[in-house]
Protein backbone atom coordinates (compact mmCIF):
# COMPACT_ATOMS: atom_id res chain seq x y z
CA MET A 1 -53.55 -29.61 -61.55
CA HIS A 2 -54.52 -27.16 -58.81
CA GLU A 3 -51.76 -24.80 -59.93
CA THR A 4 -53.21 -24.74 -63.46
CA ILE A 5 -56.26 -22.81 -62.24
CA PHE A 6 -54.07 -20.11 -60.71
CA ALA A 7 -51.73 -20.06 -63.73
CA LYS A 8 -54.64 -19.56 -66.14
CA GLN A 9 -56.00 -16.69 -64.04
CA ILE A 10 -52.57 -15.01 -64.07
CA ILE A 11 -52.31 -15.53 -67.83
CA ASP A 12 -55.76 -14.04 -68.44
CA VAL A 13 -55.01 -10.94 -66.37
CA ALA A 14 -51.63 -10.45 -68.04
CA LYS A 15 -53.07 -10.90 -71.55
CA SER A 16 -55.66 -8.23 -70.84
CA GLN A 17 -52.75 -5.75 -70.90
CA GLY A 18 -51.71 -6.61 -74.49
CA GLU A 19 -49.25 -8.92 -76.20
CA VAL A 20 -47.20 -10.16 -73.25
CA GLU A 21 -43.42 -10.63 -73.31
CA ALA A 22 -42.74 -10.95 -69.59
CA ILE A 23 -44.35 -10.88 -66.17
CA THR A 24 -43.08 -10.35 -62.66
CA LEU A 25 -44.85 -12.02 -59.75
CA GLU A 26 -44.74 -11.96 -55.97
CA ILE A 27 -45.76 -15.32 -54.55
CA GLY A 28 -46.35 -15.82 -50.85
CA GLU A 29 -44.49 -18.65 -49.18
CA LEU A 30 -47.86 -20.00 -48.02
CA ALA A 31 -49.89 -19.15 -51.13
CA HIS A 32 -52.53 -21.62 -52.32
CA VAL A 33 -49.93 -23.38 -54.49
CA PRO A 34 -46.18 -23.82 -53.95
CA THR A 35 -44.03 -21.32 -55.84
CA GLY A 36 -42.08 -23.91 -57.81
CA GLU A 37 -45.18 -25.69 -59.04
CA LEU A 38 -46.88 -22.46 -60.12
CA ILE A 39 -43.82 -21.21 -62.02
CA ALA A 40 -43.32 -24.59 -63.72
CA CYS A 41 -46.97 -24.61 -64.80
CA LEU A 42 -46.77 -21.06 -66.18
CA LYS A 43 -43.62 -21.94 -68.13
CA GLU A 44 -45.44 -24.91 -69.69
CA LEU A 45 -48.39 -22.74 -70.75
CA VAL A 46 -46.74 -19.56 -72.06
CA PRO A 47 -43.39 -18.61 -73.66
CA TRP A 48 -43.01 -15.47 -71.54
CA ASN A 49 -40.08 -14.48 -69.39
CA ILE A 50 -41.36 -15.08 -65.85
CA GLU A 51 -39.61 -13.43 -62.92
CA HIS A 52 -40.75 -14.03 -59.37
CA THR A 53 -40.00 -13.25 -55.76
CA GLU A 54 -41.19 -15.43 -52.91
CA ILE A 55 -42.61 -13.40 -50.02
CA PRO A 56 -41.86 -15.00 -46.64
CA ALA A 57 -44.72 -15.84 -44.31
CA LYS A 58 -45.13 -13.55 -41.31
CA VAL A 59 -47.24 -14.15 -38.23
CA SER A 60 -48.37 -12.32 -35.13
CA CYS A 61 -48.85 -14.31 -31.96
CA ARG A 62 -50.65 -13.42 -28.75
CA CYS A 63 -47.36 -14.09 -26.89
CA GLY A 64 -45.92 -11.01 -28.64
CA PHE A 65 -43.92 -12.76 -31.34
CA TYR A 66 -43.95 -11.18 -34.81
CA GLY A 67 -41.98 -12.81 -37.61
CA HIS A 68 -41.55 -16.03 -39.54
CA PRO A 69 -43.52 -19.03 -38.21
CA VAL A 70 -42.43 -22.61 -37.88
CA ILE A 71 -44.00 -24.36 -40.87
CA LEU A 72 -44.87 -27.86 -39.72
CA GLU A 73 -46.67 -29.00 -42.85
CA ARG A 74 -47.27 -27.53 -46.31
CA GLY A 75 -49.67 -28.75 -48.99
CA HIS A 76 -51.90 -27.41 -51.71
CA ASP A 77 -54.29 -24.94 -50.12
CA SER A 78 -53.24 -26.01 -46.62
CA PHE A 79 -50.47 -25.55 -44.12
CA LEU A 80 -49.82 -26.05 -40.43
CA ILE A 81 -47.83 -23.38 -38.60
CA GLU A 82 -46.88 -22.57 -35.06
CA CYS A 83 -45.23 -19.76 -33.15
CA PRO A 84 -41.50 -20.43 -32.72
CA ASP A 85 -41.59 -18.83 -29.25
CA CYS A 86 -44.59 -20.44 -27.55
CA GLY A 87 -45.86 -23.17 -29.92
CA ALA A 88 -49.34 -21.66 -30.23
CA VAL A 89 -51.14 -21.22 -33.53
CA PRO A 90 -50.39 -17.62 -34.57
CA ARG A 91 -52.35 -15.27 -36.82
CA LEU A 92 -50.95 -15.18 -40.35
CA VAL A 93 -50.39 -11.58 -41.51
CA ASP A 94 -48.37 -11.96 -44.74
CA GLY A 95 -47.14 -14.52 -47.22
CA THR A 96 -50.32 -15.96 -48.74
CA ASP A 97 -50.93 -13.72 -51.77
CA ILE A 98 -50.05 -14.17 -55.41
CA LYS A 99 -49.58 -10.76 -57.03
CA ILE A 100 -48.76 -9.65 -60.55
CA VAL A 101 -46.20 -6.91 -60.00
CA SER A 102 -45.64 -6.01 -63.65
CA VAL A 103 -46.49 -7.06 -67.19
CA LYS A 104 -44.18 -6.21 -70.07
CA VAL A 105 -46.00 -6.02 -73.40
CA LYS A 106 -44.76 -5.55 -76.98
């Protein structure tokens, strides 16, 4: 159900552009809802062509590491990550956003 809130917000924004035929999204690997669940929900709610790209998570750690974290746990609105080099909790710098990249209207 959590994904329904995000799906409805995406639908509302897209519809504000006109009569929608298709949308393209970028969904962060650690966004508030898992990519598959959000896309499935959107497909249940609208007949649009929905394209998406998943944006990998990126972190910066005080040990100097910059890149993809180890994802220990992933849930709705929560995740547990660590630095693959030192095991510390790094600062997340990318991979949490959900963005509408384009809306194709009739």
